[in-house]
PDB file of N, CA and C in Angstrom:
ATOM      1  N   UNK A   1       0.580  -1.005   0.036  1.00  0.00           N
ATOM      2  CA  UNK A   1       0.205  -0.366   0.167  1.00  0.00           C
ATOM      3  C   UNK A   1       0.637   1.042  -0.412  1.00  0.00           C
ATOM      4  N   UNK A   2       0.441   1.888  -0.886  1.00  0.00           N
ATOM      5  CA  UNK A   2       1.607   3.127  -1.004  1.00  0.00           C
ATOM      6  C   UNK A   2       1.159   4.430   0.749  1.00  0.00           C
ATOM      7  N   UNK A   3       1.723   5.212   0.277  1.00  0.00           N
ATOM      8  CA  UNK A   3       1.460   6.340   1.391  1.00  0.00           C
ATOM      9  C   UNK A   3       0.577   6.953   1.606  1.00  0.00           C
ATOM     10  N   UNK A   4       0.381   7.224   0.356  1.00  0.00           N
ATOM     11  CA  UNK A   4      -0.922   7.951   0.127  1.00  0.00           C
ATOM     12  C   UNK A   4      -2.270   6.863   0.211  1.00  0.00           C
ATOM     13  N   UNK A   5      -2.312   5.876   0.289  1.00  0.00           N
ATOM     14  CA  UNK A   5      -3.636   5.052   0.482  1.00  0.00           C
ATOM     15  C   UNK A   5      -3.378   5.234   1.385  1.00  0.00           C
ATOM     16  N   UNK A   6      -1.915   5.102   2.613  1.00  0.00           N
ATOM     17  CA  UNK A   6      -2.339   4.449   3.886  1.00  0.00           C
ATOM     18  C   UNK A   6      -3.184   5.387   4.529  1.00  0.00           C
ATOM     19  N   UNK A   7      -2.324   6.974   4.467  1.00  0.00           N
ATOM     20  CA  UNK A   7      -2.341   7.888   4.778  1.00  0.00           C
ATOM     21  C   UNK A   7      -4.192   8.391   4.694  1.00  0.00           C
ATOM     22  N   UNK A   8      -4.567   8.177   3.324  1.00  0.00           N
ATOM     23  CA  UNK A   8      -5.891   8.874   3.334  1.00  0.00           C
ATOM     24  C   UNK A   8      -6.839   7.456   4.302  1.00  0.00           C
ATOM     25  N   UNK A   9      -6.357   6.107   4.184  1.00  0.00           N
ATOM     26  CA  UNK A   9      -6.914   5.217   4.829  1.00  0.00           C
ATOM     27  C   UNK A   9      -7.432   5.712   6.253  1.00  0.00           C
ATOM     28  N   UNK A  10      -6.247   6.062   6.850  1.00  0.00           N
ATOM     29  CA  UNK A  10      -5.997   6.425   8.075  1.00  0.00           C
ATOM     30  C   UNK A  10      -6.538   7.800   8.376  1.00  0.00           C
ATOM     31  N   UNK A  11      -6.758   8.391   7.795  1.00  0.00           N
ATOM     32  CA  UNK A  11      -7.667   9.437   7.986  1.00  0.00           C
ATOM     33  C   UNK A  11      -9.244   9.633   8.430  1.00  0.00           C
ATOM     34  N   UNK A  12      -9.343   8.767   6.964  1.00  0.00           N
ATOM     35  CA  UNK A  12     -10.788   8.380   6.886  1.00  0.00           C
ATOM     36  C   UNK A  12     -11.248   7.338   8.515  1.00  0.00           C
ATOM     37  N   UNK A  13     -10.379   7.058   8.626  1.00  0.00           N
ATOM     38  CA  UNK A  13     -11.235   5.671   9.619  1.00  0.00           C
ATOM     39  C   UNK A  13     -10.857   6.770  10.832  1.00  0.00           C
ATOM     40  N   UNK A  14      -9.559   7.948  11.334  1.00  0.00           N
ATOM     41  CA  UNK A  14     -10.056   8.643  11.978  1.00  0.00           C
ATOM     42  C   UNK A  14     -10.886   9.399  11.878  1.00  0.00           C
ATOM     43  N   UNK A  15     -11.184  10.349  10.737  1.00  0.00           N
ATOM     44  CA  UNK A  15     -12.481  11.254  10.919  1.00  0.00           C
ATOM     45  C   UNK A  15     -13.451  10.169  11.261  1.00  0.00           C
ATOM     46  N   UNK A  16     -14.393   9.123  10.763  1.00  0.00           N
ATOM     47  CA  UNK A  16     -15.339   8.337  10.821  1.00  0.00           C
ATOM     48  C   UNK A  16     -15.413   7.744  12.255  1.00  0.00           C
ATOM     49  N   UNK A  17     -14.377   7.595  12.673  1.00  0.00           N
ATOM     50  CA  UNK A  17     -14.600   7.671  14.601  1.00  0.00           C
ATOM     51  C   UNK A  17     -14.807   8.764  15.440  1.00  0.00           C
ATOM     52  N   UNK A  18     -14.421   9.876  14.945  1.00  0.00           N
ATOM     53  CA  UNK A  18     -14.882  11.219  15.918  1.00  0.00           C
ATOM     54  C   UNK A  18     -16.274  11.480  15.501  1.00  0.00           C
ATOM     55  N   UNK A  19     -16.021  11.537  14.046  1.00  0.00           N
ATOM     56  CA  UNK A  19     -18.069  11.679  13.480  1.00  0.00           C
ATOM     57  C   UNK A  19     -18.992  10.827  14.569  1.00  0.00           C
ATOM     58  N   UNK A  20     -18.954   9.751  14.448  1.00  0.00           N
ATOM     59  CA  UNK A  20     -19.648   8.546  15.086  1.00  0.00           C
ATOM     60  C   UNK A  20     -19.912   9.007  16.505  1.00  0.00           C
ATOM     61  N   UNK A  21     -18.479   9.122  17.391  1.00  0.00           N
ATOM     62  CA  UNK A  21     -18.123  10.049  18.650  1.00  0.00           C
ATOM     63  C   UNK A  21     -19.078  10.917  18.465  1.00  0.00           C
ATOM     64  N   UNK A  22     -19.160  11.581  17.909  1.00  0.00           N
ATOM     65  CA  UNK A  22     -19.828  13.128  17.988  1.00  0.00           C
ATOM     66  C   UNK A  22     -21.366  13.085  18.014  1.00  0.00           C
ATOM     67  N   UNK A  23     -21.874  12.075  16.832  1.00  0.00           N
ATOM     68  CA  UNK A  23     -23.345  11.424  16.714  1.00  0.00           C
ATOM     69  C   UNK A  23     -23.495  10.982  18.069  1.00  0.00           C
ATOM     70  N   UNK A  24     -22.842  10.322  18.504  1.00  0.00           N
ATOM     71  CA  UNK A  24     -23.389   9.378  19.822  1.00  0.00           C
ATOM     72  C   UNK A  24     -23.448   9.944  20.970  1.00  0.00           C
ATOM     73  N   UNK A  25     -22.629  10.916  21.146  1.00  0.00           N
ATOM     74  CA  UNK A  25     -22.723  12.126  22.407  1.00  0.00           C
ATOM     75  C   UNK A  25     -23.659  12.532  22.004  1.00  0.00           C
ATOM     76  N   UNK A  26     -23.813  13.197  20.676  1.00  0.00           N
ATOM     77  CA  UNK A  26     -24.967  14.360  20.503  1.00  0.00           C
ATOM     78  C   UNK A  26     -26.285  13.664  21.181  1.00  0.00           C
ATOM     79  N   UNK A  27     -26.500  12.368  21.203  1.00  0.00           N
ATOM     80  CA  UNK A  27     -27.520  11.840  21.364  1.00  0.00           C
ATOM     81  C   UNK A  27     -28.203  11.825  22.687  1.00  0.00           C
ATOM     82  N   UNK A  28     -26.954  11.409  23.319  1.00  0.00           N
ATOM     83  CA  UNK A  28     -27.168  11.563  24.873  1.00  0.00           C
ATOM     84  C   UNK A  28     -26.950  13.098  25.083  1.00  0.00           C
ATOM     85  N   UNK A  29     -26.608  13.986  24.864  1.00  0.00           N
ATOM     86  CA  UNK A  29     -26.864  15.303  25.223  1.00  0.00           C
ATOM     87  C   UNK A  29     -25.728  15.676  25.470  1.00  0.00           C
ATOM     88  N   UNK A  30     -24.818  15.571  25.387  1.00  0.00           N
ATOM     89  CA  UNK A  30     -23.373  15.914  25.516  1.00  0.00           C
ATOM     90  C   UNK A  30     -22.980  17.046  24.585  1.00  0.00           C
ATOM     91  N   UNK A  31     -23.677  17.822  24.216  1.00  0.00           N
ATOM     92  CA  UNK A  31     -23.396  18.581  22.879  1.00  0.00           C
ATOM     93  C   UNK A  31     -21.853  19.027  22.914  1.00  0.00           C
ATOM     94  N   UNK A  32     -21.273  19.320  24.327  1.00  0.00           N
ATOM     95  CA  UNK A  32     -20.199  20.257  24.368  1.00  0.00           C
ATOM     96  C   UNK A  32     -19.042  19.501  23.688  1.00  0.00           C
ATOM     97  N   UNK A  33     -18.751  17.960  24.081  1.00  0.00           N
ATOM     98  CA  UNK A  33     -17.859  16.908  24.095  1.00  0.00           C
ATOM     99  C   UNK A  33     -18.152  16.528  22.472  1.00  0.00           C
ATOM    100  N   UNK A  34     -19.535  16.563  21.717  1.00  0.00           N
ATOM    101  CA  UNK A  34     -20.066  16.277  20.527  1.00  0.00           C
ATOM    102  C   UNK A  34     -19.434  17.413  19.804  1.00  0.00           C
ATOM    103  N   UNK A  35     -19.364  18.961  19.912  1.00  0.00           N
ATOM    104  CA  UNK A  35     -18.658  19.339  19.144  1.00  0.00           C
ATOM    105  C   UNK A  35     -17.193  19.672  19.114  1.00  0.00           C
ATOM    106  N   UNK A  36     -16.004  19.375  20.453  1.00  0.00           N
ATOM    107  CA  UNK A  36     -15.010  18.654  20.198  1.00  0.00           C
ATOM    108  C   UNK A  36     -14.860  17.969  19.524  1.00  0.00           C
ATOM    109  N   UNK A  37     -15.419  16.893  19.501  1.00  0.00           N
ATOM    110  CA  UNK A  37     -15.594  15.514  18.741  1.00  0.00           C
ATOM    111  C   UNK A  37     -15.025  15.970  17.288  1.00  0.00           C
ATOM    112  N   UNK A  38     -16.674  16.741  16.522  1.00  0.00           N
ATOM    113  CA  UNK A  38     -16.298  17.118  15.397  1.00  0.00           C
ATOM    114  C   UNK A  38     -15.630  18.435  14.444  1.00  0.00           C
ATOM    115  N   UNK A  39     -15.007  18.946  15.874  1.00  0.00           N
ATOM    116  CA  UNK A  39     -14.065  19.913  15.403  1.00  0.00           C
ATOM    117  C   UNK A  39     -12.836  19.612  15.334  1.00  0.00           C
ATOM    118  N   UNK A  40     -12.210  18.465  16.644  1.00  0.00           N
ATOM    119  CA  UNK A  40     -11.553  17.847  16.354  1.00  0.00           C
ATOM    120  C   UNK A  40     -11.431  16.901  14.787  1.00  0.00           C
ATOM    121  N   UNK A  41     -12.590  16.644  14.124  1.00  0.00           N
ATOM    122  CA  UNK A  41     -12.253  15.604  12.766  1.00  0.00           C
ATOM    123  C   UNK A  41     -12.157  16.581  12.192  1.00  0.00           C
ATOM    124  N   UNK A  42     -12.526  18.053  11.995  1.00  0.00           N
ATOM    125  CA  UNK A  42     -12.473  18.687  11.234  1.00  0.00           C
ATOM    126  C   UNK A  42     -10.681  19.447  11.173  1.00  0.00           C
ATOM    127  N   UNK A  43      -9.879  18.817  12.235  1.00  0.00           N
ATOM    128  CA  UNK A  43      -8.673  19.218  12.304  1.00  0.00           C
ATOM    129  C   UNK A  43      -7.412  18.043  11.272  1.00  0.00           C
ATOM    130  N   UNK A  44      -8.181  17.044  11.402  1.00  0.00           N
ATOM    131  CA  UNK A  44      -7.821  16.276  11.418  1.00  0.00           C
ATOM    132  C   UNK A  44      -7.613  15.977   9.576  1.00  0.00           C
ATOM    133  N   UNK A  45      -8.508  16.435   9.112  1.00  0.00           N
ATOM    134  CA  UNK A  45      -9.182  16.745   7.254  1.00  0.00           C
ATOM    135  C   UNK A  45      -7.973  17.429   7.206  1.00  0.00           C
ATOM    136  N   UNK A  46      -7.872  18.821   7.750  1.00  0.00           N
ATOM    137  CA  UNK A  46      -7.072  19.875   8.020  1.00  0.00           C
ATOM    138  C   UNK A  46      -5.537  19.479   7.563  1.00  0.00           C
ATOM    139  N   UNK A  47      -5.271  18.547   8.775  1.00  0.00           N
ATOM    140  CA  UNK A  47      -3.719  17.944   8.997  1.00  0.00           C
ATOM    141  C   UNK A  47      -3.415  17.279   7.697  1.00  0.00           C
ATOM    142  N   UNK A  48      -4.285  16.840   7.332  1.00  0.00           N
ATOM    143  CA  UNK A  48      -4.137  15.282   5.973  1.00  0.00           C
ATOM    144  C   UNK A  48      -4.067  16.380   4.711  1.00  0.00           C
ATOM    145  N   UNK A  49      -4.282  17.288   4.208  1.00  0.00           N
ATOM    146  CA  UNK A  49      -4.392  18.457   3.571  1.00  0.00           C
ATOM    147  C   UNK A  49      -2.879  18.876   3.416  1.00  0.00           C
ATOM    148  N   UNK A  50      -3.053  19.524   4.620  1.00  0.00           N
ATOM    149  CA  UNK A  50      -1.302  20.132   5.169  1.00  0.00           C
ATOM    150  C   UNK A  50       0.116  19.333   4.959  1.00  0.00           C
ATOM    151  N   UNK A  51      -0.113  17.746   5.525  1.00  0.00           N
ATOM    152  CA  UNK A  51       0.625  16.903   5.495  1.00  0.00           C
ATOM    153  C   UNK A  51       0.682  16.458   3.983  1.00  0.00           C
ATOM    154  N   UNK A  52      -0.360  16.581   3.027  1.00  0.00           N
ATOM    155  CA  UNK A  52      -0.027  15.724   1.702  1.00  0.00           C
ATOM    156  C   UNK A  52       0.394  16.967   0.665  1.00  0.00           C
ATOM    157  N   UNK A  53       0.320  18.485   1.413  1.00  0.00           N
ATOM    158  CA  UNK A  53       1.358  19.613   0.618  1.00  0.00           C
ATOM    159  C   UNK A  53       2.548  19.513   0.953  1.00  0.00           C
ATOM    160  N   UNK A  54       3.141  19.485   1.761  1.00  0.00           N
ATOM    161  CA  UNK A  54       4.235  18.794   2.575  1.00  0.00           C
ATOM    162  C   UNK A  54       5.077  18.015   1.642  1.00  0.00           C
ATOM    163  N   UNK A  55       4.110  16.712   1.720  1.00  0.00           N
ATOM    164  CA  UNK A  55       4.428  15.684   0.779  1.00  0.00           C
ATOM    165  C   UNK A  55       5.155  16.028  -0.557  1.00  0.00           C
ATOM    166  N   UNK A  56       4.559  16.656  -1.371  1.00  0.00           N
ATOM    167  CA  UNK A  56       4.003  17.353  -2.477  1.00  0.00           C
ATOM    168  C   UNK A  56       5.780  18.019  -2.831  1.00  0.00           C
ATOM    169  N   UNK A  57       6.179  19.166  -1.744  1.00  0.00           N
ATOM    170  CA  UNK A  57       6.773  20.003  -1.899  1.00  0.00           C
ATOM    171  C   UNK A  57       7.847  19.656  -1.392  1.00  0.00           C
ATOM    172  N   UNK A  58       8.318  18.194  -0.907  1.00  0.00           N
ATOM    173  CA  UNK A  58       9.648  17.762  -0.460  1.00  0.00           C
ATOM    174  C   UNK A  58       9.607  16.375  -2.051  1.00  0.00           C
ATOM    175  N   UNK A  59       9.103  16.218  -2.467  1.00  0.00           N
ATOM    176  CA  UNK A  59       9.033  15.192  -3.895  1.00  0.00           C
ATOM    177  C   UNK A  59       9.476  16.337  -4.483  1.00  0.00           C
ATOM    178  N   UNK A  60       8.897  17.451  -4.465  1.00  0.00           N
ATOM    179  CA  UNK A  60       9.605  18.587  -5.502  1.00  0.00           C
ATOM    180  C   UNK A  60      10.693  18.831  -5.709  1.00  0.00           C
ATOM    181  N   UNK A  61      11.403  18.966  -3.996  1.00  0.00           N
ATOM    182  CA  UNK A  61      12.904  19.406  -3.760  1.00  0.00           C
ATOM    183  C   UNK A  61      13.698  18.891  -3.873  1.00  0.00           C
ATOM    184  N   UNK A  62      13.169  17.487  -3.533  1.00  0.00           N
ATOM    185  CA  UNK A  62      13.931  15.766  -4.105  1.00  0.00           C
ATOM    186  C   UNK A  62      14.666  15.912  -5.117  1.00  0.00           C
ATOM    187  N   UNK A  63      13.669  16.004  -6.383  1.00  0.00           N
ATOM    188  CA  UNK A  63      13.748  16.758  -7.936  1.00  0.00           C
ATOM    189  C   UNK A  63      14.643  17.379  -7.999  1.00  0.00           C
ATOM    190  N   UNK A  64      14.572  18.205  -7.661  1.00  0.00           N
ATOM    191  CA  UNK A  64      15.276  19.567  -8.103  1.00  0.00           C
ATOM    192  C   UNK A  64      16.631  19.604  -7.493  1.00  0.00           C
ATOM    193  N   UNK A  65      16.997  19.131  -6.706  1.00  0.00           N
ATOM    194  CA  UNK A  65      18.273  18.658  -6.275  1.00  0.00           C
ATOM    195  C   UNK A  65      18.961  17.257  -6.682  1.00  0.00           C
ATOM    196  N   UNK A  66      18.015  16.819  -7.268  1.00  0.00           N
ATOM    197  CA  UNK A  66      18.868  15.295  -8.081  1.00  0.00           C
ATOM    198  C   UNK A  66      19.042  16.375  -9.325  1.00  0.00           C
ATOM    199  N   UNK A  67      18.442  17.154  -9.873  1.00  0.00           N
ATOM    200  CA  UNK A  67      18.931  17.646 -11.427  1.00  0.00           C
ATOM    201  C   UNK A  67      20.456  18.738 -11.170  1.00  0.00           C
ATOM    202  N   UNK A  68      20.045  19.334  -9.715  1.00  0.00           N
ATOM    203  CA  UNK A  68      21.387  20.142  -9.599  1.00  0.00           C
ATOM    204  C   UNK A  68      22.201  18.983  -9.403  1.00  0.00           C
ATOM    205  N   UNK A  69      22.652  18.190  -8.619  1.00  0.00           N
ATOM    206  CA  UNK A  69      23.853  17.278  -8.618  1.00  0.00           C
ATOM    207  C   UNK A  69      24.040  16.458 -10.137  1.00  0.00           C
ATOM    208  N   UNK A  70      23.028  16.621 -11.213  1.00  0.00           N
ATOM    209  CA  UNK A  70      23.523  15.685 -12.265  1.00  0.00           C
ATOM    210  C   UNK A  70      24.274  16.250 -12.907  1.00  0.00           C
ATOM    211  N   UNK A  71      24.012  17.988 -12.914  1.00  0.00           N
ATOM    212  CA  UNK A  71      24.523  18.977 -13.565  1.00  0.00           C
ATOM    213  C   UNK A  71      25.581  19.209 -12.967  1.00  0.00           C
ATOM    214  N   UNK A  72      26.066  19.371 -12.206  1.00  0.00           N
ATOM    215  CA  UNK A  72      27.004  19.552 -11.051  1.00  0.00           C
ATOM    216  C   UNK A  72      28.087  17.893 -11.613  1.00  0.00           C
ATOM    217  N   UNK A  73      27.750  16.950 -11.341  1.00  0.00           N
ATOM    218  CA  UNK A  73      28.541  15.519 -11.962  1.00  0.00           C
ATOM    219  C   UNK A  73      28.954  15.948 -13.818  1.00  0.00           C
ATOM    220  N   UNK A  74      28.125  16.561 -14.342  1.00  0.00           N
ATOM    221  CA  UNK A  74      28.674  16.613 -16.047  1.00  0.00           C
ATOM    222  C   UNK A  74      29.464  17.983 -15.979  1.00  0.00           C
ATOM    223  N   UNK A  75      29.077  19.045 -15.447  1.00  0.00           N
ATOM    224  CA  UNK A  75      30.276  20.059 -14.691  1.00  0.00           C
ATOM    225  C   UNK A  75      31.702  19.327 -14.302  1.00  0.00           C
ATOM    226  N   UNK A  76      31.712  18.425 -13.633  1.00  0.00           N
ATOM    227  CA  UNK A  76      32.854  17.708 -13.000  1.00  0.00           C
ATOM    228  C   UNK A  76      33.146  17.045 -14.741  1.00  0.00           C
ATOM    229  N   UNK A  77      32.629  15.930 -15.044  1.00  0.00           N
ATOM    230  CA  UNK A  77      33.529  15.142 -15.928  1.00  0.00           C
ATOM    231  C   UNK A  77      34.400  15.850 -17.087  1.00  0.00           C
ATOM    232  N   UNK A  78      33.258  16.686 -17.601  1.00  0.00           N
ATOM    233  CA  UNK A  78      33.719  17.856 -18.926  1.00  0.00           C
ATOM    234  C   UNK A  78      35.286  18.519 -18.423  1.00  0.00           C
ATOM    235  N   UNK A  79      35.207  18.856 -17.518  1.00  0.00           N
ATOM    236  CA  UNK A  79      36.561  19.495 -16.488  1.00  0.00           C
ATOM    237  C   UNK A  79      37.485  19.018 -16.347  1.00  0.00           C
ATOM    238  N   UNK A  80      37.575  17.272 -15.986  1.00  0.00           N
ATOM    239  CA  UNK A  80      38.243  17.016 -15.210  1.00  0.00           C
ATOM    240  C   UNK A  80      39.997  16.485 -16.646  1.00  0.00           C
ATOM    241  N   UNK A  81      40.945  16.757 -15.940  1.00  0.00           N
ATOM    242  CA  UNK A  81      41.655  16.087 -16.532  1.00  0.00           C
ATOM    243  C   UNK A  81      42.299  15.014 -16.539  1.00  0.00           C
ATOM    244  N   UNK A  82      42.555  14.573 -17.892  1.00  0.00           N
ATOM    245  CA  UNK A  82      42.916  12.641 -17.998  1.00  0.00           C
ATOM    246  C   UNK A  82      44.549  12.980 -17.906  1.00  0.00           C
TER     247      UNK A  82
END
Protein backbone atom coordinates (compact mmCIF):
# COMPACT_ATOMS: atom_id res chain seq x y z
CA UNK A 1 0.00 0.00 0.00
CA UNK A 2 1.40 3.39 -0.95
CA UNK A 3 1.92 6.17 1.55
CA UNK A 4 -0.90 8.18 -0.02
CA UNK A 5 -3.37 5.30 0.24
CA UNK A 6 -2.31 4.52 3.79
CA UNK A 7 -2.58 8.09 5.05
CA UNK A 8 -5.93 8.50 3.28
CA UNK A 9 -7.26 5.31 4.88
CA UNK A 10 -5.99 6.30 8.32
CA UNK A 11 -7.52 9.77 7.93
CA UNK A 12 -10.87 8.38 6.85
CA UNK A 13 -10.86 5.96 9.78
CA UNK A 14 -9.98 8.70 12.28
CA UNK A 15 -12.58 11.12 10.92
CA UNK A 16 -15.25 8.43 10.83
CA UNK A 17 -14.50 7.40 14.40
CA UNK A 18 -14.57 10.98 15.65
CA UNK A 19 -17.80 11.80 13.82
CA UNK A 20 -19.43 8.63 15.17
CA UNK A 21 -18.42 9.70 18.66
CA UNK A 22 -19.84 13.17 17.99
CA UNK A 23 -23.19 11.76 16.88
CA UNK A 24 -23.41 9.36 19.80
CA UNK A 25 -22.49 12.06 22.29
CA UNK A 26 -25.08 14.40 20.78
CA UNK A 27 -27.71 11.68 21.19
CA UNK A 28 -27.08 11.58 24.95
CA UNK A 29 -27.12 15.39 25.24
CA UNK A 30 -23.37 15.82 25.63
CA UNK A 31 -23.33 18.65 23.10
CA UNK A 32 -20.03 20.16 24.28
CA UNK A 33 -18.12 16.89 23.84
CA UNK A 34 -19.88 16.24 20.54
CA UNK A 35 -18.68 19.63 19.28
CA UNK A 36 -15.16 18.85 20.48
CA UNK A 37 -15.14 15.56 18.56
CA UNK A 38 -16.49 17.25 15.43
CA UNK A 39 -13.87 19.99 15.73
CA UNK A 40 -11.06 17.46 16.12
CA UNK A 41 -12.37 15.60 13.04
CA UNK A 42 -12.11 18.86 11.10
CA UNK A 43 -8.57 19.38 12.38
CA UNK A 44 -7.62 15.86 11.23
CA UNK A 45 -8.83 16.63 7.70
CA UNK A 46 -6.98 19.97 7.62
CA UNK A 47 -3.84 18.27 8.94
CA UNK A 48 -4.04 15.59 6.27
CA UNK A 49 -4.25 18.20 3.49
CA UNK A 50 -1.28 20.08 4.94
CA UNK A 51 0.66 16.81 5.20
CA UNK A 52 -0.03 15.97 1.54
CA UNK A 53 1.02 19.47 0.42
CA UNK A 54 4.25 19.22 2.43
CA UNK A 55 5.05 15.80 0.97
CA UNK A 56 4.47 17.14 -2.56
CA UNK A 57 6.80 20.08 -1.88
CA UNK A 58 9.41 17.69 -0.51
CA UNK A 59 9.19 15.52 -3.63
CA UNK A 60 9.63 18.61 -5.82
CA UNK A 61 12.67 19.68 -3.80
CA UNK A 62 14.18 16.20 -4.17
CA UNK A 63 13.72 16.28 -7.94
CA UNK A 64 15.29 19.74 -8.12
CA UNK A 65 18.21 18.63 -5.97
CA UNK A 66 18.71 15.58 -8.17
CA UNK A 67 18.83 17.81 -11.27
CA UNK A 68 21.39 20.06 -9.57
CA UNK A 69 23.56 17.10 -8.62
CA UNK A 70 23.42 15.71 -12.14
CA UNK A 71 24.44 19.06 -13.61
CA UNK A 72 27.35 19.28 -11.16
CA UNK A 73 28.47 15.77 -12.09
CA UNK A 74 28.30 16.63 -15.78
CA UNK A 75 30.31 19.77 -15.15
CA UNK A 76 32.95 17.85 -13.22
CA UNK A 77 33.21 15.16 -15.89
CA UNK A 78 33.66 17.69 -18.70
CA UNK A 79 36.45 19.55 -16.86
CA UNK A 80 38.30 16.55 -15.45
CA UNK A 81 41.97 16.32 -16.34
CA UNK A 82 43.08 13.03 -17.83
